[in-house]
Amino acid sequence: MAALAEHVRLWARELGFGAITVADTGLESAEPGLERWLEAGFHGEMHYMARHGLKRARPAELLPGTLRVISVRMDYWPDARPAEAVLSDPTLAYVSRYALGRDYHKVMRSRLQKLADRIAGASPSAYRVFVDSAPVLEVELGAKSGLGWRGKHTLLIDRSLGSFFFLGEIFTDLPLPVDEPVSAHCGTCVACIDACPTGAIVAPYRLDARRCISYLTIELHGSIPEAFRPLIGNRIYGCDDCQLVCPWNRFARRAVETDFEVRNGLDSASLVELFGWTEEAFGRLTAGSPIHRIGHERWLRNIAVALGNGPGTPEVVAALSARADHPSEIVREHVAWALMRHQKGAEA
């Protein structure tokens, strides 16, 4: 098994993974925290999280006979316009750095499947591949196996490159040797907590998703609560603030995977330009992107909020007014809110 593990690491590097570690399935210590998080309702409308419950902490319930979990990392920090420059320009649209290129689910899953197939070819085994596709405590498993440590923003951090990487897992019944966890290096730093625009990190290692801009712009299907709209700024898909301020991300590495390169100029596009996309254009230009999953309605909802937070120029008011009678009630509501803000601003 030790020799096989070394081969697995070599194969993983050949497939473009930045690191690979192995953990056992003992996640009992994570169950109380998961239960408290769900009981507090911090998962919001992500009902699947409550539906699966403690199954997340019990890998063998997903794949009977599971003995080990292989965790892999793939870096995604893109060669893009600086995030801070986009965030500071209210006429531009900010898209989370992970979503500027191709959907990571598609990229990583095919690579993980190849790795799993190769492992099974070398040593016949039962396995199952996951890339954010099932109830898996991927950060907990990554921390348990030494892929990094859980930061106070709840994401995994590697001291050599920060946190801008994707995670994937292979559950297997092979008794591979396990890796040791690494010590945490956050110390007294609370930069991520202080930087969160909506106060979603309610305590170290505790995130209220209902307040998180990533949740509000991606997972939430209905109206964005009015109290949060001004705090969203020009973020139209996700948020990176807690990672951008993390001291360890000064070591972030550029992605070597070309699929994560910026598509359609989304690292520096204007809000007015993106608000003008028709449903057909949205479908075509976001095909193969994680953005595609929110659909045109939520795309317009998010951009309407961002336009309401920016300058009320004639161009912006005209763009919003053109969508004032949109067939979607949700779009109309957020457009009306944005126009009202500009009207009040003009009257002030």
Protein backbone atom coordinates (compact mmCIF):
# COMPACT_ATOMS: atom_id res chain seq x y z
CA MET A 1 0.00 0.00 0.00
CA ALA A 2 2.88 2.41 0.72
CA ALA A 3 4.31 1.80 -2.74
CA LEU A 4 0.89 2.27 -4.30
CA ALA A 5 0.45 5.55 -2.44
CA GLU A 6 3.68 6.86 -3.95
CA HIS A 7 2.48 5.89 -7.41
CA VAL A 8 -0.84 7.64 -6.73
CA ARG A 9 0.99 10.86 -5.88
CA LEU A 10 2.97 10.65 -9.10
CA TRP A 11 -0.13 9.98 -11.18
CA ALA A 12 -1.94 12.86 -9.48
CA ARG A 13 0.83 15.29 -10.39
CA GLU A 14 0.74 14.06 -13.98
CA LEU A 15 -2.98 14.87 -14.06
CA GLY A 16 -2.42 18.42 -12.87
CA PHE A 17 -3.23 18.16 -9.17
CA GLY A 18 -1.11 20.31 -6.90
CA ALA A 19 -1.11 17.95 -3.93
CA ILE A 20 -2.68 14.72 -2.71
CA THR A 21 -3.17 13.39 0.82
CA VAL A 22 -4.92 10.44 2.46
CA ALA A 23 -7.15 10.33 5.55
CA ASP A 24 -9.06 7.66 7.39
CA THR A 25 -12.83 8.00 7.79
CA GLY A 26 -12.99 8.96 11.46
CA LEU A 27 -14.90 12.25 11.46
CA GLU A 28 -16.81 11.80 14.71
CA SER A 29 -15.27 14.95 16.19
CA ALA A 30 -16.85 17.02 13.42
CA GLU A 31 -20.41 15.84 14.06
CA PRO A 32 -21.33 18.10 17.03
CA GLY A 33 -20.24 21.24 15.18
CA LEU A 34 -22.15 20.20 12.07
CA GLU A 35 -25.27 19.56 14.13
CA ARG A 36 -25.05 22.97 15.83
CA TRP A 37 -24.54 24.69 12.48
CA LEU A 38 -27.62 23.06 11.00
CA GLU A 39 -29.72 23.66 14.12
CA ALA A 40 -28.84 27.37 13.92
CA GLY A 41 -30.21 27.44 10.38
CA PHE A 42 -26.95 28.77 9.02
CA HIS A 43 -27.40 26.71 5.84
CA GLY A 44 -30.31 28.92 4.74
CA GLU A 45 -32.14 27.57 1.69
CA MET A 46 -29.51 24.90 1.05
CA HIS A 47 -31.98 22.28 2.24
CA TYR A 48 -29.88 19.42 0.93
CA MET A 49 -27.39 20.10 3.72
CA ALA A 50 -30.00 19.46 6.40
CA ARG A 51 -31.46 16.56 4.45
CA HIS A 52 -28.14 14.71 4.44
CA GLY A 53 -27.37 15.69 8.03
CA LEU A 54 -24.60 13.66 9.65
CA LYS A 55 -24.15 11.58 6.52
CA ARG A 56 -21.50 14.14 5.62
CA ALA A 57 -19.37 12.96 8.52
CA ARG A 58 -19.81 9.26 7.72
CA PRO A 59 -18.06 8.40 4.43
CA ALA A 60 -19.01 4.73 4.60
CA GLU A 61 -22.68 5.73 4.23
CA LEU A 62 -21.84 7.12 0.79
CA LEU A 63 -19.66 4.18 -0.24
CA PRO A 64 -20.03 1.08 1.94
CA GLY A 65 -16.66 -0.33 2.89
CA THR A 66 -14.82 2.97 2.58
CA LEU A 67 -11.56 2.88 4.52
CA ARG A 68 -9.70 5.89 3.16
CA VAL A 69 -10.42 9.24 1.54
CA ILE A 70 -7.92 10.57 -0.98
CA SER A 71 -8.05 14.38 -1.11
CA VAL A 72 -6.60 16.38 -3.98
CA ARG A 73 -5.96 20.08 -4.55
CA MET A 74 -5.98 22.08 -7.79
CA ASP A 75 -4.92 25.73 -7.80
CA TYR A 76 -7.17 28.24 -9.57
CA TRP A 77 -5.80 31.77 -8.95
CA PRO A 78 -6.11 33.27 -12.46
CA ASP A 79 -4.03 35.74 -14.44
CA ALA A 80 -6.72 38.40 -14.24
CA ARG A 81 -7.23 42.09 -13.59
CA PRO A 82 -6.39 42.66 -9.89
CA ALA A 83 -9.38 41.90 -7.71
CA GLU A 84 -8.91 45.05 -5.63
CA ALA A 85 -8.96 47.22 -8.77
CA VAL A 86 -12.30 45.77 -9.86
CA LEU A 87 -13.84 46.01 -6.40
CA SER A 88 -12.86 49.66 -6.14
CA ASP A 89 -14.52 50.59 -9.45
CA PRO A 90 -18.33 50.60 -8.96
CA THR A 91 -18.92 50.58 -12.73
CA LEU A 92 -17.29 47.17 -13.09
CA ALA A 93 -18.69 43.74 -12.24
CA TYR A 94 -16.83 41.63 -9.71
CA VAL A 95 -16.93 37.88 -10.31
CA SER A 96 -15.34 35.54 -7.80
CA ARG A 97 -11.91 34.49 -9.07
CA TYR A 98 -12.86 30.81 -9.12
CA ALA A 99 -15.66 31.45 -11.62
CA LEU A 100 -13.76 33.41 -14.27
CA GLY A 101 -12.91 30.29 -16.26
CA ARG A 102 -14.34 26.84 -16.91
CA ASP A 103 -16.47 25.09 -14.32
CA TYR A 104 -14.10 23.33 -11.93
CA HIS A 105 -16.58 20.49 -11.43
CA LYS A 106 -16.10 19.48 -15.06
CA VAL A 107 -12.32 19.92 -15.03
CA MET A 108 -11.59 18.12 -11.78
CA ARG A 109 -14.12 15.34 -12.01
CA SER A 110 -12.73 13.97 -15.28
CA ARG A 111 -9.18 14.09 -13.90
CA LEU A 112 -10.20 12.45 -10.63
CA GLN A 113 -12.02 9.74 -12.51
CA LYS A 114 -8.87 9.00 -14.50
CA LEU A 115 -6.85 8.85 -11.30
CA ALA A 116 -9.38 6.55 -9.62
CA ASP A 117 -9.48 4.26 -12.66
CA ARG A 118 -5.70 4.02 -12.66
CA ILE A 119 -5.63 3.19 -8.95
CA ALA A 120 -8.26 0.48 -9.45
CA GLY A 121 -6.24 -0.88 -12.37
CA ALA A 122 -3.18 -1.21 -10.17
CA SER A 123 -5.07 -2.62 -7.19
CA PRO A 124 -8.68 -3.72 -7.77
CA SER A 125 -10.93 -1.78 -5.44
CA ALA A 126 -14.26 -0.10 -4.91
CA TYR A 127 -14.19 3.66 -5.21
CA ARG A 128 -16.29 6.77 -5.76
CA VAL A 129 -15.24 10.22 -6.98
CA PHE A 130 -16.54 13.51 -5.57
CA VAL A 131 -16.09 17.15 -6.59
CA ASP A 132 -18.50 19.17 -4.48
CA SER A 133 -21.16 16.76 -5.70
CA ALA A 134 -22.33 14.91 -2.59
CA PRO A 135 -22.48 15.31 1.21
CA VAL A 136 -18.74 15.29 1.86
CA LEU A 137 -16.90 17.25 4.57
CA GLU A 138 -14.11 18.09 2.17
CA VAL A 139 -12.42 20.77 4.29
CA GLU A 140 -12.49 18.51 7.35
CA LEU A 141 -11.00 15.65 5.35
CA GLY A 142 -8.38 17.92 3.83
CA ALA A 143 -7.40 19.18 7.27
CA LYS A 144 -7.36 15.66 8.71
CA SER A 145 -4.97 14.49 6.02
CA GLY A 146 -2.61 17.47 6.14
CA LEU A 147 -3.65 19.18 2.91
CA GLY A 148 -3.93 22.37 4.98
CA TRP A 149 -5.70 23.70 8.05
CA ARG A 150 -9.16 25.19 8.45
CA GLY A 151 -8.96 28.97 8.55
CA LYS A 152 -11.25 31.18 10.59
CA HIS A 153 -13.24 31.83 7.39
CA THR A 154 -13.85 28.02 7.33
CA LEU A 155 -11.80 27.46 4.15
CA LEU A 156 -8.69 25.28 3.92
CA ILE A 157 -5.33 27.09 3.99
CA ASP A 158 -1.92 25.85 2.90
CA ARG A 159 0.93 27.94 4.32
CA SER A 160 2.89 27.67 1.06
CA LEU A 161 0.14 28.99 -1.24
CA GLY A 162 -2.89 30.21 0.69
CA SER A 163 -6.44 29.11 -0.06
CA PHE A 164 -7.19 29.72 -3.72
CA PHE A 165 -7.58 26.06 -4.69
CA PHE A 166 -10.32 23.54 -5.37
CA LEU A 167 -10.77 20.26 -3.52
CA GLY A 168 -11.82 16.83 -4.73
CA GLU A 169 -12.01 13.38 -3.16
CA ILE A 170 -11.83 9.69 -3.94
CA PHE A 171 -13.45 7.32 -1.46
CA THR A 172 -11.80 3.90 -1.56
CA ASP A 173 -11.75 0.61 0.29
CA LEU A 174 -7.98 0.35 -0.09
CA PRO A 175 -6.10 0.56 3.25
CA LEU A 176 -3.64 3.18 2.05
CA PRO A 177 -1.27 4.72 4.64
CA VAL A 178 -2.74 7.94 6.07
CA ASP A 179 -1.05 11.34 6.22
CA GLU A 180 -0.71 13.45 9.34
CA PRO A 181 -2.53 16.77 9.83
CA VAL A 182 -0.56 20.01 9.89
CA SER A 183 -0.67 22.63 12.62
CA ALA A 184 -2.79 25.74 12.15
CA HIS A 185 -1.11 29.10 11.59
CA CYS A 186 -3.86 31.71 11.92
CA GLY A 187 -2.82 32.78 15.40
CA THR A 188 -4.65 35.89 16.59
CA CYS A 189 -5.33 37.13 13.04
CA VAL A 190 -8.98 38.04 12.38
CA ALA A 191 -8.50 39.78 9.02
CA CYS A 192 -11.04 37.55 7.29
CA ILE A 193 -13.68 38.18 9.95
CA ASP A 194 -13.18 41.94 9.85
CA ALA A 195 -13.20 42.07 6.05
CA CYS A 196 -16.51 40.28 5.47
CA PRO A 197 -18.88 42.94 4.04
CA THR A 198 -21.99 41.38 5.56
CA GLY A 199 -20.61 39.99 8.81
CA ALA A 200 -21.20 36.41 7.68
CA ILE A 201 -18.28 35.02 9.71
CA VAL A 202 -20.14 35.29 12.99
CA ALA A 203 -17.28 33.74 15.00
CA PRO A 204 -13.95 32.10 14.19
CA TYR A 205 -14.64 28.95 12.13
CA ARG A 206 -18.39 29.68 12.07
CA LEU A 207 -20.11 30.99 8.95
CA ASP A 208 -23.75 32.04 8.66
CA ALA A 209 -24.34 31.30 4.99
CA ARG A 210 -27.52 33.37 5.00
CA ARG A 211 -25.37 36.49 5.31
CA CYS A 212 -22.63 35.40 2.89
CA ILE A 213 -22.50 37.23 -0.46
CA SER A 214 -21.60 33.99 -2.23
CA TYR A 215 -24.80 32.46 -0.87
CA LEU A 216 -26.89 35.55 -1.63
CA THR A 217 -25.72 35.81 -5.25
CA ILE A 218 -25.47 32.10 -6.09
CA GLU A 219 -27.47 29.81 -3.81
CA LEU A 220 -30.43 32.06 -2.93
CA HIS A 221 -33.21 31.67 -5.48
CA GLY A 222 -35.57 34.45 -4.47
CA SER A 223 -35.18 38.07 -3.47
CA ILE A 224 -32.00 39.27 -1.83
CA PRO A 225 -32.92 40.78 1.57
CA GLU A 226 -32.86 44.58 1.27
CA ALA A 227 -30.59 44.98 4.29
CA PHE A 228 -27.81 43.14 2.46
CA ARG A 229 -28.16 44.76 -0.96
CA PRO A 230 -26.08 47.90 -0.26
CA LEU A 231 -23.36 45.73 1.29
CA ILE A 232 -22.98 43.61 -1.83
CA GLY A 233 -21.38 46.47 -3.74
CA ASN A 234 -20.47 45.41 -7.27
CA ARG A 235 -20.11 41.70 -6.49
CA ILE A 236 -22.41 39.95 -8.96
CA TYR A 237 -21.27 36.35 -8.51
CA GLY A 238 -19.63 35.24 -5.30
CA CYS A 239 -17.21 37.07 -3.03
CA ASP A 240 -13.51 36.68 -2.25
CA ASP A 241 -13.02 39.33 0.42
CA CYS A 242 -12.16 36.93 3.25
CA GLN A 243 -9.49 35.31 1.07
CA LEU A 244 -8.13 38.50 -0.46
CA VAL A 245 -7.14 39.83 2.97
CA CYS A 246 -5.68 36.57 4.27
CA PRO A 247 -1.92 37.03 4.79
CA TRP A 248 -1.22 33.52 3.52
CA ASN A 249 -2.64 34.36 0.11
CA ARG A 250 0.34 36.54 -0.64
CA PHE A 251 1.83 33.19 -1.63
CA ALA A 252 -1.04 32.29 -3.98
CA ARG A 253 0.18 30.56 -7.14
CA ARG A 254 -1.13 31.24 -10.61
CA ALA A 255 -3.20 28.38 -11.98
CA VAL A 256 -1.35 26.19 -14.44
CA GLU A 257 -4.60 24.72 -15.71
CA THR A 258 -5.56 26.64 -18.87
CA ASP A 259 -9.25 25.85 -18.33
CA PHE A 260 -9.21 28.33 -15.44
CA GLU A 261 -8.08 31.23 -17.62
CA VAL A 262 -10.44 34.22 -17.86
CA ARG A 263 -13.30 33.88 -20.34
CA ASN A 264 -15.29 36.63 -22.07
CA GLY A 265 -13.44 39.41 -20.28
CA LEU A 266 -15.30 38.73 -17.05
CA ASP A 267 -12.42 40.02 -14.96
CA SER A 268 -13.02 43.60 -16.12
CA ALA A 269 -16.50 43.79 -17.70
CA SER A 270 -18.80 46.73 -17.02
CA LEU A 271 -22.06 46.19 -15.18
CA VAL A 272 -24.05 47.90 -17.93
CA GLU A 273 -22.54 45.62 -20.56
CA LEU A 274 -23.37 42.43 -18.65
CA PHE A 275 -26.86 43.70 -17.75
CA GLY A 276 -27.54 43.98 -21.46
CA TRP A 277 -26.95 40.29 -22.14
CA THR A 278 -30.05 38.60 -23.48
CA GLU A 279 -31.02 35.19 -22.15
CA GLU A 280 -29.59 33.65 -25.31
CA ALA A 281 -26.31 35.53 -24.89
CA PHE A 282 -26.12 34.57 -21.22
CA GLY A 283 -26.58 30.90 -22.06
CA ARG A 284 -24.02 31.00 -24.83
CA LEU A 285 -21.36 33.05 -23.05
CA THR A 286 -21.57 31.19 -19.73
CA ALA A 287 -21.74 27.69 -21.22
CA GLY A 288 -19.24 25.50 -19.38
CA SER A 289 -18.88 28.12 -16.63
CA PRO A 290 -20.06 27.78 -13.01
CA ILE A 291 -22.02 31.00 -13.60
CA HIS A 292 -24.37 29.15 -15.94
CA ARG A 293 -26.09 27.39 -13.05
CA ILE A 294 -27.71 30.55 -11.62
CA GLY A 295 -29.62 31.27 -14.82
CA HIS A 296 -30.39 34.57 -16.54
CA GLU A 297 -32.99 35.71 -13.99
CA ARG A 298 -30.61 35.64 -11.02
CA TRP A 299 -27.86 37.08 -13.20
CA LEU A 300 -30.02 40.14 -13.86
CA ARG A 301 -31.12 40.27 -10.21
CA ASN A 302 -27.53 40.40 -9.02
CA ILE A 303 -26.43 43.00 -11.55
CA ALA A 304 -29.46 45.19 -10.79
CA VAL A 305 -28.33 45.32 -7.16
CA ALA A 306 -24.78 46.21 -8.21
CA LEU A 307 -26.07 48.93 -10.54
CA GLY A 308 -28.12 50.31 -7.66
CA ASN A 309 -24.96 50.50 -5.56
CA GLY A 310 -22.96 52.37 -8.19
CA PRO A 311 -23.18 55.83 -9.72
CA GLY A 312 -26.57 56.82 -11.12
CA THR A 313 -25.30 57.92 -14.51
CA PRO A 314 -27.73 58.38 -17.42
CA GLU A 315 -26.33 55.17 -18.92
CA VAL A 316 -27.02 53.20 -15.73
CA VAL A 317 -30.53 54.62 -15.29
CA ALA A 318 -31.32 53.85 -18.94
CA ALA A 319 -30.08 50.27 -18.59
CA LEU A 320 -32.18 49.72 -15.47
CA SER A 321 -35.25 51.37 -16.98
CA ALA A 322 -35.02 49.05 -19.99
CA ARG A 323 -35.54 46.10 -17.62
CA ALA A 324 -38.24 47.74 -15.48
CA ASP A 325 -40.99 45.71 -17.16
CA HIS A 326 -39.06 42.43 -17.28
CA PRO A 327 -41.30 39.32 -17.20
CA SER A 328 -39.64 38.15 -13.96
CA GLU A 329 -41.09 39.59 -10.77
CA ILE A 330 -37.73 39.11 -9.07
CA VAL A 331 -35.90 41.11 -11.73
CA ARG A 332 -38.53 43.87 -11.66
CA GLU A 333 -38.28 44.12 -7.87
CA HIS A 334 -34.51 44.54 -7.83
CA VAL A 335 -34.55 46.95 -10.76
CA ALA A 336 -37.16 49.07 -8.98
CA TRP A 337 -34.99 49.08 -5.84
CA ALA A 338 -31.96 50.22 -7.82
CA LEU A 339 -33.88 52.97 -9.62
CA MET A 340 -35.30 54.18 -6.33
CA ARG A 341 -31.81 54.48 -4.86
CA HIS A 342 -30.70 56.61 -7.78
CA GLN A 343 -33.83 58.70 -7.60
CA LYS A 344 -33.23 59.39 -3.90
CA GLY A 345 -29.60 60.14 -4.66
CA ALA A 346 -30.60 62.68 -7.29
CA GLU A 347 -33.01 64.34 -4.90
CA ALA A 348 -30.52 64.56 -2.05
